[in-house]
C-alpha cells in the first residue's frame, strides 16, 4: 500500500512538474514575442503599464481607457486608440495585475482599490479630468472611479460594461471562481495555460460571438498575453472580489451627476444587455444607452462604431 501511494505521488508530481515546465515555456515565449509596448508609472505600489497616443487639443479632455476581465490595453490599441488619437490625448492602461501591470502584494482586487489606483494614475500622468472609457469589467472600474473620485472624471463611455452583479456567470469564466489564493496560483502554473490552448476556439466563440475573431487578435490585440499565469491569477482575483463592492455601488448610481453613455451589442454572449445596460440606464440620471447588432468585444470587432460612440459622449 505504501509503495502504491508513493508511486501515485511520484506520478502526480511528475505530471504537475511537466505542466509547470510547459506553462513556463509558453509564458517565456509570449513575453519574448510580445514585450511591453508602452511606459510604466508606479501608483500605490502597483507598477502600471500604459499606452499613450495623441495630444490634448484645446480644452478637449483626455480619454482614459480601461479593459475588461482577462483583457489588456491592446484590446483598445488594436484600433480604437489610434482612431481617437487624431483629436485627443488617449491613454489605455493595463489594470493592476493584468497585461504588464503588476499588482502590489498588499493591494486588493476590489473595485474600490482599483478605482483609487485609476485616480492616482490620473494625477501621476497629469490627465486632468478625463473621459473614462470602460469595457466589460473596466466599466465597473470606471463607475467605481466616478463614484469615489467624482472630481477627477468628466464623463463615462461604457462599452458592454459590467454594471450590476450578474444573475449567472458565463461558463467561459467558470475556472476563475477559485477563492483560495494558493489554489489559484497552483492552477495558474499547471492547468490554466494548456486548458486555455485546448479550449481556445470554443472560448473565443463565446467571447467574440456571433462576430468573428480577427486573425491578428492573438498578437495585435494582445490575445496571447492571456496565456500567462499572471493573467489567470489577476482575472480570478478580480472576479472573486466583485461581491465586495459592486452590490453597494449599484445603490449609488443615482448620485452620478456626469454624462454616461453605454454601448451594448444585443447578441452579447458574456453579459446580458438588459440586465447590465438597460438597468444602468434606469439607475442614473444622465445615461444614454445605445444598442447595436454585435457581441461583447466591440472595441475589436467594431472599432469605428466604438470610436464614434466615444466621440459622441457629452463630456467631449
C-alpha atoms as a PDB file:
ATOM      1  CA  UNK A   1       0.000   0.000   0.000  1.00  0.00           C
ATOM      2  CA  UNK A   2       2.826   2.406   0.900  1.00  0.00           C
ATOM      3  CA  UNK A   3       4.542   1.517  -2.386  1.00  0.00           C
ATOM      4  CA  UNK A   4       1.350   2.235  -4.352  1.00  0.00           C
ATOM      5  CA  UNK A   5       0.844   5.542  -2.549  1.00  0.00           C
ATOM      6  CA  UNK A   6       4.446   6.543  -3.260  1.00  0.00           C
ATOM      7  CA  UNK A   7       4.080   5.619  -6.932  1.00  0.00           C
ATOM      8  CA  UNK A   8       0.908   7.696  -7.253  1.00  0.00           C
ATOM      9  CA  UNK A   9       2.560  10.629  -5.504  1.00  0.00           C
ATOM     10  CA  UNK A  10       5.606  10.446  -7.779  1.00  0.00           C
ATOM     11  CA  UNK A  11       3.404  10.203 -10.883  1.00  0.00           C
ATOM     12  CA  UNK A  12       1.344  13.191  -9.775  1.00  0.00           C
ATOM     13  CA  UNK A  13       4.491  15.201  -9.049  1.00  0.00           C
ATOM     14  CA  UNK A  14       5.913  14.389 -12.483  1.00  0.00           C
ATOM     15  CA  UNK A  15       2.614  15.309 -14.132  1.00  0.00           C
ATOM     16  CA  UNK A  16       2.377  18.648 -12.329  1.00  0.00           C
ATOM     17  CA  UNK A  17       6.065  19.276 -12.942  1.00  0.00           C
ATOM     18  CA  UNK A  18       5.547  18.719 -16.651  1.00  0.00           C
ATOM     19  CA  UNK A  19       2.606  21.109 -16.698  1.00  0.00           C
ATOM     20  CA  UNK A  20       4.662  23.700 -14.824  1.00  0.00           C
ATOM     21  CA  UNK A  21       7.538  23.471 -17.315  1.00  0.00           C
ATOM     22  CA  UNK A  22       5.140  23.696 -20.249  1.00  0.00           C
ATOM     23  CA  UNK A  23       3.476  26.771 -18.714  1.00  0.00           C
ATOM     24  CA  UNK A  24       6.848  28.367 -18.034  1.00  0.00           C
ATOM     25  CA  UNK A  25       7.899  27.731 -21.631  1.00  0.00           C
ATOM     26  CA  UNK A  26       4.709  29.300 -23.044  1.00  0.00           C
ATOM     27  CA  UNK A  27       4.879  32.282 -20.678  1.00  0.00           C
ATOM     28  CA  UNK A  28       8.505  32.927 -21.651  1.00  0.00           C
ATOM     29  CA  UNK A  29       7.740  32.697 -25.367  1.00  0.00           C
ATOM     30  CA  UNK A  30       4.810  35.083 -25.003  1.00  0.00           C
ATOM     31  CA  UNK A  31       6.880  37.570 -23.010  1.00  0.00           C
ATOM     32  CA  UNK A  32       9.655  37.481 -25.626  1.00  0.00           C
ATOM     33  CA  UNK A  33       7.253  37.719 -28.554  1.00  0.00           C
ATOM     34  CA  UNK A  34       5.014  40.414 -27.062  1.00  0.00           C
ATOM     35  CA  UNK A  35       7.157  42.696 -24.893  1.00  0.00           C
ATOM     36  CA  UNK A  36       5.651  45.802 -23.268  1.00  0.00           C
ATOM     37  CA  UNK A  37       4.750  48.425 -25.868  1.00  0.00           C
ATOM     38  CA  UNK A  38       4.203  51.351 -23.520  1.00  0.00           C
ATOM     39  CA  UNK A  39       5.629  53.059 -20.466  1.00  0.00           C
ATOM     40  CA  UNK A  40       5.369  52.500 -16.733  1.00  0.00           C
ATOM     41  CA  UNK A  41       4.355  54.552 -13.722  1.00  0.00           C
ATOM     42  CA  UNK A  42       4.079  53.407 -10.098  1.00  0.00           C
ATOM     43  CA  UNK A  43       0.779  54.116  -8.325  1.00  0.00           C
ATOM     44  CA  UNK A  44       0.049  52.886  -4.788  1.00  0.00           C
ATOM     45  CA  UNK A  45       2.829  50.314  -5.127  1.00  0.00           C
ATOM     46  CA  UNK A  46       1.429  48.991  -8.426  1.00  0.00           C
ATOM     47  CA  UNK A  47       3.744  49.252 -11.443  1.00  0.00           C
ATOM     48  CA  UNK A  48       1.260  50.355 -14.087  1.00  0.00           C
ATOM     49  CA  UNK A  49       1.834  49.795 -17.795  1.00  0.00           C
ATOM     50  CA  UNK A  50       0.100  52.212 -20.162  1.00  0.00           C
ATOM     51  CA  UNK A  51      -0.082  53.060 -23.860  1.00  0.00           C
ATOM     52  CA  UNK A  52      -0.442  56.669 -24.985  1.00  0.00           C
ATOM     53  CA  UNK A  53      -1.097  58.410 -28.295  1.00  0.00           C
ATOM     54  CA  UNK A  54      -2.218  61.841 -29.448  1.00  0.00           C
ATOM     55  CA  UNK A  55      -2.109  65.236 -27.804  1.00  0.00           C
ATOM     56  CA  UNK A  56      -4.560  67.443 -25.950  1.00  0.00           C
ATOM     57  CA  UNK A  57      -6.418  69.680 -28.415  1.00  0.00           C
ATOM     58  CA  UNK A  58      -7.606  72.901 -26.799  1.00  0.00           C
ATOM     59  CA  UNK A  59      -9.976  72.185 -23.932  1.00  0.00           C
ATOM     60  CA  UNK A  60     -10.761  68.649 -25.094  1.00  0.00           C
ATOM     61  CA  UNK A  61     -10.434  66.205 -22.204  1.00  0.00           C
ATOM     62  CA  UNK A  62      -8.051  63.283 -22.275  1.00  0.00           C
ATOM     63  CA  UNK A  63      -9.598  59.865 -22.916  1.00  0.00           C
ATOM     64  CA  UNK A  64      -8.599  57.129 -20.451  1.00  0.00           C
ATOM     65  CA  UNK A  65      -9.381  53.529 -21.423  1.00  0.00           C
ATOM     66  CA  UNK A  66      -9.796  50.563 -19.042  1.00  0.00           C
ATOM     67  CA  UNK A  67     -10.027  46.987 -20.334  1.00  0.00           C
ATOM     68  CA  UNK A  68     -12.164  44.140 -19.061  1.00  0.00           C
ATOM     69  CA  UNK A  69     -11.721  40.847 -17.204  1.00  0.00           C
ATOM     70  CA  UNK A  70      -8.701  38.982 -18.547  1.00  0.00           C
ATOM     71  CA  UNK A  71      -8.105  41.733 -21.098  1.00  0.00           C
ATOM     72  CA  UNK A  72      -5.157  44.011 -21.801  1.00  0.00           C
ATOM     73  CA  UNK A  73      -4.552  47.546 -23.054  1.00  0.00           C
ATOM     74  CA  UNK A  74      -4.017  46.189 -26.601  1.00  0.00           C
ATOM     75  CA  UNK A  75      -7.755  45.480 -26.747  1.00  0.00           C
ATOM     76  CA  UNK A  76      -8.010  49.246 -27.301  1.00  0.00           C
ATOM     77  CA  UNK A  77      -4.748  49.906 -29.158  1.00  0.00           C
ATOM     78  CA  UNK A  78      -5.863  47.305 -31.714  1.00  0.00           C
ATOM     79  CA  UNK A  79      -7.676  50.172 -33.440  1.00  0.00           C
ATOM     80  CA  UNK A  80      -9.872  52.414 -31.244  1.00  0.00           C
ATOM     81  CA  UNK A  81      -6.989  54.208 -29.534  1.00  0.00           C
ATOM     82  CA  UNK A  82      -5.460  55.218 -32.868  1.00  0.00           C
ATOM     83  CA  UNK A  83      -8.806  56.361 -34.275  1.00  0.00           C
ATOM     84  CA  UNK A  84      -9.256  58.806 -31.395  1.00  0.00           C
ATOM     85  CA  UNK A  85      -5.639  59.966 -31.133  1.00  0.00           C
ATOM     86  CA  UNK A  86      -6.019  62.406 -34.024  1.00  0.00           C
ATOM     87  CA  UNK A  87      -8.161  64.712 -31.909  1.00  0.00           C
ATOM     88  CA  UNK A  88      -7.432  63.716 -28.290  1.00  0.00           C
ATOM     89  CA  UNK A  89      -4.753  62.555 -25.948  1.00  0.00           C
ATOM     90  CA  UNK A  90      -5.650  58.904 -25.388  1.00  0.00           C
ATOM     91  CA  UNK A  91      -4.265  56.599 -22.687  1.00  0.00           C
ATOM     92  CA  UNK A  92      -5.031  52.878 -22.354  1.00  0.00           C
ATOM     93  CA  UNK A  93      -3.909  51.082 -19.215  1.00  0.00           C
ATOM     94  CA  UNK A  94      -3.294  47.527 -18.115  1.00  0.00           C
ATOM     95  CA  UNK A  95      -5.294  47.195 -14.897  1.00  0.00           C
ATOM     96  CA  UNK A  96      -3.297  46.089 -11.815  1.00  0.00           C
ATOM     97  CA  UNK A  97      -2.100  42.505 -12.313  1.00  0.00           C
ATOM     98  CA  UNK A  98      -3.188  42.397 -15.959  1.00  0.00           C
ATOM     99  CA  UNK A  99      -1.053  42.715 -19.066  1.00  0.00           C
ATOM    100  CA  UNK A 100       2.275  44.151 -17.962  1.00  0.00           C
ATOM    101  CA  UNK A 101       0.968  45.956 -14.875  1.00  0.00           C
ATOM    102  CA  UNK A 102       1.882  44.388 -11.560  1.00  0.00           C
ATOM    103  CA  UNK A 103      -0.413  44.237  -8.561  1.00  0.00           C
ATOM    104  CA  UNK A 104       1.236  45.223  -5.295  1.00  0.00           C
ATOM    105  CA  UNK A 105       1.301  42.210  -2.995  1.00  0.00           C
ATOM    106  CA  UNK A 106      -0.719  44.109  -0.386  1.00  0.00           C
ATOM    107  CA  UNK A 107      -3.242  45.510  -2.859  1.00  0.00           C
ATOM    108  CA  UNK A 108      -6.755  44.164  -3.085  1.00  0.00           C
ATOM    109  CA  UNK A 109      -8.514  43.337  -6.357  1.00  0.00           C
ATOM    110  CA  UNK A 110     -11.570  45.184  -5.020  1.00  0.00           C
ATOM    111  CA  UNK A 111     -13.201  47.659  -7.373  1.00  0.00           C
ATOM    112  CA  UNK A 112     -12.714  50.390  -4.794  1.00  0.00           C
ATOM    113  CA  UNK A 113      -8.960  49.819  -4.687  1.00  0.00           C
ATOM    114  CA  UNK A 114      -8.737  49.664  -8.474  1.00  0.00           C
ATOM    115  CA  UNK A 115     -10.679  52.929  -8.625  1.00  0.00           C
ATOM    116  CA  UNK A 116      -8.195  54.548  -6.259  1.00  0.00           C
ATOM    117  CA  UNK A 117      -5.334  53.313  -8.452  1.00  0.00           C
ATOM    118  CA  UNK A 118      -7.012  54.838 -11.525  1.00  0.00           C
ATOM    119  CA  UNK A 119      -7.431  58.139  -9.658  1.00  0.00           C
ATOM    120  CA  UNK A 120      -3.773  58.036  -8.651  1.00  0.00           C
ATOM    121  CA  UNK A 121      -2.753  57.331 -12.240  1.00  0.00           C
ATOM    122  CA  UNK A 122      -4.811  60.313 -13.444  1.00  0.00           C
ATOM    123  CA  UNK A 123      -2.784  62.516 -11.118  1.00  0.00           C
ATOM    124  CA  UNK A 124       0.548  60.839 -11.883  1.00  0.00           C
ATOM    125  CA  UNK A 125       0.154  61.280 -15.661  1.00  0.00           C
ATOM    126  CA  UNK A 126      -1.434  64.723 -15.437  1.00  0.00           C
ATOM    127  CA  UNK A 127      -4.584  63.652 -17.285  1.00  0.00           C
ATOM    128  CA  UNK A 128      -6.686  66.436 -15.789  1.00  0.00           C
ATOM    129  CA  UNK A 129     -10.338  65.383 -15.762  1.00  0.00           C
ATOM    130  CA  UNK A 130     -10.602  62.669 -18.425  1.00  0.00           C
ATOM    131  CA  UNK A 131     -13.463  60.910 -20.110  1.00  0.00           C
ATOM    132  CA  UNK A 132     -13.098  57.321 -18.887  1.00  0.00           C
ATOM    133  CA  UNK A 133     -13.889  54.521 -21.312  1.00  0.00           C
ATOM    134  CA  UNK A 134     -14.510  51.169 -19.660  1.00  0.00           C
ATOM    135  CA  UNK A 135     -15.055  47.848 -21.423  1.00  0.00           C
ATOM    136  CA  UNK A 136     -16.752  44.962 -19.584  1.00  0.00           C
ATOM    137  CA  UNK A 137     -15.223  44.793 -16.075  1.00  0.00           C
ATOM    138  CA  UNK A 138     -13.414  48.003 -16.976  1.00  0.00           C
ATOM    139  CA  UNK A 139     -16.867  49.579 -16.981  1.00  0.00           C
ATOM    140  CA  UNK A 140     -17.317  48.642 -13.335  1.00  0.00           C
ATOM    141  CA  UNK A 141     -13.881  50.104 -12.539  1.00  0.00           C
ATOM    142  CA  UNK A 142     -14.824  53.293 -14.388  1.00  0.00           C
ATOM    143  CA  UNK A 143     -18.080  53.549 -12.422  1.00  0.00           C
ATOM    144  CA  UNK A 144     -16.243  52.956  -9.138  1.00  0.00           C
ATOM    145  CA  UNK A 145     -13.789  55.728 -10.039  1.00  0.00           C
ATOM    146  CA  UNK A 146     -16.622  58.158 -10.787  1.00  0.00           C
ATOM    147  CA  UNK A 147     -18.354  57.294  -7.505  1.00  0.00           C
ATOM    148  CA  UNK A 148     -15.218  57.584  -5.353  1.00  0.00           C
ATOM    149  CA  UNK A 149     -13.486  60.425  -7.197  1.00  0.00           C
ATOM    150  CA  UNK A 150     -16.160  62.492  -8.998  1.00  0.00           C
ATOM    151  CA  UNK A 151     -13.829  65.489  -9.193  1.00  0.00           C
ATOM    152  CA  UNK A 152     -11.440  63.527 -11.424  1.00  0.00           C
ATOM    153  CA  UNK A 153     -13.903  62.305 -14.064  1.00  0.00           C
ATOM    154  CA  UNK A 154     -15.551  64.344 -16.866  1.00  0.00           C
ATOM    155  CA  UNK A 155     -17.788  61.548 -18.101  1.00  0.00           C
ATOM    156  CA  UNK A 156     -18.065  57.811 -18.732  1.00  0.00           C
ATOM    157  CA  UNK A 157     -18.296  55.966 -22.059  1.00  0.00           C
ATOM    158  CA  UNK A 158     -19.031  52.345 -21.182  1.00  0.00           C
ATOM    159  CA  UNK A 159     -18.734  49.576 -23.777  1.00  0.00           C
ATOM    160  CA  UNK A 160     -20.539  46.313 -22.920  1.00  0.00           C
ATOM    161  CA  UNK A 161     -19.994  47.235 -19.258  1.00  0.00           C
ATOM    162  CA  UNK A 162     -20.462  45.221 -16.114  1.00  0.00           C
ATOM    163  CA  UNK A 163     -22.713  47.472 -14.027  1.00  0.00           C
ATOM    164  CA  UNK A 164     -24.634  45.036 -11.798  1.00  0.00           C
ATOM    165  CA  UNK A 165     -23.902  41.652 -10.267  1.00  0.00           C
ATOM    166  CA  UNK A 166     -24.803  39.106 -12.982  1.00  0.00           C
ATOM    167  CA  UNK A 167     -27.527  36.607 -12.212  1.00  0.00           C
ATOM    168  CA  UNK A 168     -25.304  33.969 -13.806  1.00  0.00           C
ATOM    169  CA  UNK A 169     -21.636  33.830 -14.800  1.00  0.00           C
ATOM    170  CA  UNK A 170     -20.584  32.803 -18.278  1.00  0.00           C
ATOM    171  CA  UNK A 171     -19.074  29.319 -18.393  1.00  0.00           C
ATOM    172  CA  UNK A 172     -16.028  30.921 -20.000  1.00  0.00           C
ATOM    173  CA  UNK A 173     -15.126  32.250 -16.550  1.00  0.00           C
ATOM    174  CA  UNK A 174     -16.004  29.113 -14.545  1.00  0.00           C
ATOM    175  CA  UNK A 175     -12.357  28.252 -13.872  1.00  0.00           C
ATOM    176  CA  UNK A 176     -11.764  31.716 -12.403  1.00  0.00           C
ATOM    177  CA  UNK A 177     -14.060  31.115  -9.441  1.00  0.00           C
ATOM    178  CA  UNK A 178     -11.227  29.880  -7.215  1.00  0.00           C
ATOM    179  CA  UNK A 179     -11.371  31.661  -3.872  1.00  0.00           C
ATOM    180  CA  UNK A 180      -8.164  30.280  -2.316  1.00  0.00           C
ATOM    181  CA  UNK A 181      -5.080  32.219  -3.469  1.00  0.00           C
ATOM    182  CA  UNK A 182      -2.758  29.194  -3.118  1.00  0.00           C
ATOM    183  CA  UNK A 183      -5.015  27.046  -5.326  1.00  0.00           C
ATOM    184  CA  UNK A 184      -5.368  29.901  -7.796  1.00  0.00           C
ATOM    185  CA  UNK A 185      -1.574  30.022  -8.179  1.00  0.00           C
ATOM    186  CA  UNK A 186      -1.321  26.244  -8.469  1.00  0.00           C
ATOM    187  CA  UNK A 187      -3.927  26.101 -11.238  1.00  0.00           C
ATOM    188  CA  UNK A 188      -2.368  29.104 -12.971  1.00  0.00           C
ATOM    189  CA  UNK A 189       1.033  27.407 -13.150  1.00  0.00           C
ATOM    190  CA  UNK A 190      -0.235  23.965 -14.154  1.00  0.00           C
ATOM    191  CA  UNK A 191      -3.661  23.543 -15.757  1.00  0.00           C
ATOM    192  CA  UNK A 192      -4.772  27.015 -16.868  1.00  0.00           C
ATOM    193  CA  UNK A 193      -2.427  27.544 -19.823  1.00  0.00           C
ATOM    194  CA  UNK A 194      -2.743  24.125 -21.504  1.00  0.00           C
ATOM    195  CA  UNK A 195      -6.520  24.145 -20.990  1.00  0.00           C
ATOM    196  CA  UNK A 196      -6.735  27.638 -22.490  1.00  0.00           C
ATOM    197  CA  UNK A 197      -4.868  26.415 -25.558  1.00  0.00           C
ATOM    198  CA  UNK A 198      -7.054  23.310 -25.905  1.00  0.00           C
ATOM    199  CA  UNK A 199     -10.304  25.248 -25.499  1.00  0.00           C
ATOM    200  CA  UNK A 200      -9.236  28.352 -27.407  1.00  0.00           C
ATOM    201  CA  UNK A 201     -11.725  28.127 -30.264  1.00  0.00           C
ATOM    202  CA  UNK A 202     -14.665  27.335 -28.004  1.00  0.00           C
ATOM    203  CA  UNK A 203     -13.848  30.179 -25.603  1.00  0.00           C
ATOM    204  CA  UNK A 204     -13.255  32.778 -28.315  1.00  0.00           C
ATOM    205  CA  UNK A 205     -16.520  31.835 -29.989  1.00  0.00           C
ATOM    206  CA  UNK A 206     -18.353  32.781 -26.797  1.00  0.00           C
ATOM    207  CA  UNK A 207     -16.296  35.881 -26.046  1.00  0.00           C
ATOM    208  CA  UNK A 208     -16.497  37.309 -29.593  1.00  0.00           C
ATOM    209  CA  UNK A 209     -19.615  35.621 -30.967  1.00  0.00           C
ATOM    210  CA  UNK A 210     -21.637  35.976 -33.003  1.00  0.00           C
ATOM    211  CA  UNK A 211     -18.892  38.100 -34.586  1.00  0.00           C
ATOM    212  CA  UNK A 212     -15.679  36.593 -35.934  1.00  0.00           C
ATOM    213  CA  UNK A 213     -12.331  36.681 -34.166  1.00  0.00           C
ATOM    214  CA  UNK A 214      -9.820  38.731 -36.197  1.00  0.00           C
ATOM    215  CA  UNK A 215      -6.907  36.612 -37.391  1.00  0.00           C
ATOM    216  CA  UNK A 216      -4.418  39.046 -35.861  1.00  0.00           C
ATOM    217  CA  UNK A 217      -6.101  39.244 -32.449  1.00  0.00           C
ATOM    218  CA  UNK A 218      -3.535  36.953 -30.813  1.00  0.00           C
ATOM    219  CA  UNK A 219      -0.691  39.404 -31.449  1.00  0.00           C
ATOM    220  CA  UNK A 220      -2.137  42.792 -32.390  1.00  0.00           C
ATOM    221  CA  UNK A 221      -4.988  42.534 -29.883  1.00  0.00           C
ATOM    222  CA  UNK A 222      -2.831  41.050 -27.115  1.00  0.00           C
ATOM    223  CA  UNK A 223      -4.724  37.752 -27.016  1.00  0.00           C
ATOM    224  CA  UNK A 224      -1.592  35.681 -26.383  1.00  0.00           C
ATOM    225  CA  UNK A 225      -0.917  37.604 -23.170  1.00  0.00           C
ATOM    226  CA  UNK A 226      -3.883  35.743 -21.671  1.00  0.00           C
ATOM    227  CA  UNK A 227      -1.832  32.534 -21.671  1.00  0.00           C
ATOM    228  CA  UNK A 228       0.472  33.762 -18.911  1.00  0.00           C
ATOM    229  CA  UNK A 229      -0.168  32.559 -15.327  1.00  0.00           C
ATOM    230  CA  UNK A 230      -0.202  36.127 -14.020  1.00  0.00           C
ATOM    231  CA  UNK A 231      -3.184  36.894 -16.230  1.00  0.00           C
ATOM    232  CA  UNK A 232      -5.186  33.968 -14.812  1.00  0.00           C
ATOM    233  CA  UNK A 233      -4.290  34.903 -11.233  1.00  0.00           C
ATOM    234  CA  UNK A 234      -5.336  38.540 -11.716  1.00  0.00           C
ATOM    235  CA  UNK A 235      -8.580  37.668 -13.515  1.00  0.00           C
ATOM    236  CA  UNK A 236      -9.558  35.153 -10.838  1.00  0.00           C
ATOM    237  CA  UNK A 237      -8.854  37.663  -8.068  1.00  0.00           C
ATOM    238  CA  UNK A 238     -10.818  40.354  -9.926  1.00  0.00           C
ATOM    239  CA  UNK A 239     -13.864  38.146 -10.374  1.00  0.00           C
ATOM    240  CA  UNK A 240     -13.886  36.903  -6.787  1.00  0.00           C
ATOM    241  CA  UNK A 241     -13.635  40.468  -5.461  1.00  0.00           C
ATOM    242  CA  UNK A 242     -16.775  41.719  -7.238  1.00  0.00           C
ATOM    243  CA  UNK A 243     -19.222  40.958  -4.386  1.00  0.00           C
ATOM    244  CA  UNK A 244     -17.131  43.132  -2.052  1.00  0.00           C
ATOM    245  CA  UNK A 245     -18.095  46.360  -3.825  1.00  0.00           C
ATOM    246  CA  UNK A 246     -20.411  46.011  -6.823  1.00  0.00           C
ATOM    247  CA  UNK A 247     -23.707  45.440  -4.922  1.00  0.00           C
ATOM    248  CA  UNK A 248     -23.059  48.576  -2.861  1.00  0.00           C
ATOM    249  CA  UNK A 249     -22.133  50.544  -5.992  1.00  0.00           C
ATOM    250  CA  UNK A 250     -25.454  49.634  -7.582  1.00  0.00           C
ATOM    251  CA  UNK A 251     -27.254  51.528  -4.843  1.00  0.00           C
ATOM    252  CA  UNK A 252     -25.240  54.712  -5.523  1.00  0.00           C
ATOM    253  CA  UNK A 253     -25.654  55.159  -9.278  1.00  0.00           C
ATOM    254  CA  UNK A 254     -28.413  57.724  -8.820  1.00  0.00           C
ATOM    255  CA  UNK A 255     -25.803  60.066  -7.325  1.00  0.00           C
ATOM    256  CA  UNK A 256     -23.700  60.148 -10.507  1.00  0.00           C
ATOM    257  CA  UNK A 257     -24.001  63.683 -11.871  1.00  0.00           C
ATOM    258  CA  UNK A 258     -21.973  63.345 -15.075  1.00  0.00           C
ATOM    259  CA  UNK A 259     -22.701  62.277 -18.656  1.00  0.00           C
ATOM    260  CA  UNK A 260     -22.713  58.492 -19.078  1.00  0.00           C
ATOM    261  CA  UNK A 261     -23.086  56.729 -22.408  1.00  0.00           C
ATOM    262  CA  UNK A 262     -23.478  52.963 -22.721  1.00  0.00           C
ATOM    263  CA  UNK A 263     -22.940  50.857 -25.844  1.00  0.00           C
ATOM    264  CA  UNK A 264     -24.149  47.256 -25.964  1.00  0.00           C
ATOM    265  CA  UNK A 265     -24.415  44.522 -28.560  1.00  0.00           C
ATOM    266  CA  UNK A 266     -27.761  42.738 -28.458  1.00  0.00           C
ATOM    267  CA  UNK A 267     -26.071  39.378 -29.118  1.00  0.00           C
ATOM    268  CA  UNK A 268     -23.514  39.738 -26.301  1.00  0.00           C
ATOM    269  CA  UNK A 269     -22.762  36.218 -25.001  1.00  0.00           C
ATOM    270  CA  UNK A 270     -20.850  37.340 -21.894  1.00  0.00           C
ATOM    271  CA  UNK A 271     -23.137  39.940 -20.321  1.00  0.00           C
ATOM    272  CA  UNK A 272     -26.870  40.485 -20.740  1.00  0.00           C
ATOM    273  CA  UNK A 273     -27.579  43.907 -22.249  1.00  0.00           C
ATOM    274  CA  UNK A 274     -30.944  44.110 -20.478  1.00  0.00           C
ATOM    275  CA  UNK A 275     -29.517  43.244 -17.060  1.00  0.00           C
ATOM    276  CA  UNK A 276     -26.447  45.455 -17.443  1.00  0.00           C
ATOM    277  CA  UNK A 277     -27.296  48.157 -19.995  1.00  0.00           C
ATOM    278  CA  UNK A 278     -30.999  48.850 -19.618  1.00  0.00           C
ATOM    279  CA  UNK A 279     -30.808  48.564 -15.838  1.00  0.00           C
ATOM    280  CA  UNK A 280     -27.925  51.052 -15.794  1.00  0.00           C
ATOM    281  CA  UNK A 281     -29.894  53.473 -17.984  1.00  0.00           C
ATOM    282  CA  UNK A 282     -32.718  53.409 -15.452  1.00  0.00           C
ATOM    283  CA  UNK A 283     -30.431  53.757 -12.419  1.00  0.00           C
ATOM    284  CA  UNK A 284     -28.559  57.012 -13.110  1.00  0.00           C
ATOM    285  CA  UNK A 285     -29.948  60.403 -14.159  1.00  0.00           C
ATOM    286  CA  UNK A 286     -27.876  61.132 -17.302  1.00  0.00           C
ATOM    287  CA  UNK A 287     -27.373  57.864 -19.198  1.00  0.00           C
ATOM    288  CA  UNK A 288     -27.621  57.427 -22.973  1.00  0.00           C
ATOM    289  CA  UNK A 289     -27.997  53.764 -23.949  1.00  0.00           C
ATOM    290  CA  UNK A 290     -27.198  52.682 -27.487  1.00  0.00           C
ATOM    291  CA  UNK A 291     -27.958  49.134 -28.659  1.00  0.00           C
ATOM    292  CA  UNK A 292     -26.435  47.690 -31.819  1.00  0.00           C
ATOM    293  CA  UNK A 293     -26.096  44.325 -33.508  1.00  0.00           C
ATOM    294  CA  UNK A 294     -22.958  42.647 -32.193  1.00  0.00           C
ATOM    295  CA  UNK A 295     -21.272  40.716 -29.426  1.00  0.00           C
ATOM    296  CA  UNK A 296     -19.084  41.525 -26.439  1.00  0.00           C
ATOM    297  CA  UNK A 297     -15.744  42.520 -27.979  1.00  0.00           C
ATOM    298  CA  UNK A 298     -16.944  45.648 -29.751  1.00  0.00           C
ATOM    299  CA  UNK A 299     -13.638  47.586 -29.396  1.00  0.00           C
ATOM    300  CA  UNK A 300     -12.041  44.938 -31.626  1.00  0.00           C
ATOM    301  CA  UNK A 301     -14.882  43.734 -33.840  1.00  0.00           C
ATOM    302  CA  UNK A 302     -16.418  47.183 -34.445  1.00  0.00           C
ATOM    303  CA  UNK A 303     -13.679  49.749 -33.708  1.00  0.00           C
ATOM    304  CA  UNK A 304     -15.102  52.512 -35.928  1.00  0.00           C
ATOM    305  CA  UNK A 305     -18.526  52.206 -34.294  1.00  0.00           C
ATOM    306  CA  UNK A 306     -16.921  52.161 -30.845  1.00  0.00           C
ATOM    307  CA  UNK A 307     -14.757  55.204 -31.584  1.00  0.00           C
ATOM    308  CA  UNK A 308     -17.752  57.143 -32.927  1.00  0.00           C
ATOM    309  CA  UNK A 309     -19.749  56.199 -29.833  1.00  0.00           C
ATOM    310  CA  UNK A 310     -16.970  57.555 -27.609  1.00  0.00           C
ATOM    311  CA  UNK A 311     -16.759  60.811 -29.598  1.00  0.00           C
ATOM    312  CA  UNK A 312     -20.473  61.426 -29.054  1.00  0.00           C
ATOM    313  CA  UNK A 313     -20.213  61.402 -25.266  1.00  0.00           C
ATOM    314  CA  UNK A 314     -21.394  64.766 -23.935  1.00  0.00           C
ATOM    315  CA  UNK A 315     -18.153  65.240 -21.991  1.00  0.00           C
ATOM    316  CA  UNK A 316     -16.273  65.649 -25.286  1.00  0.00           C
END
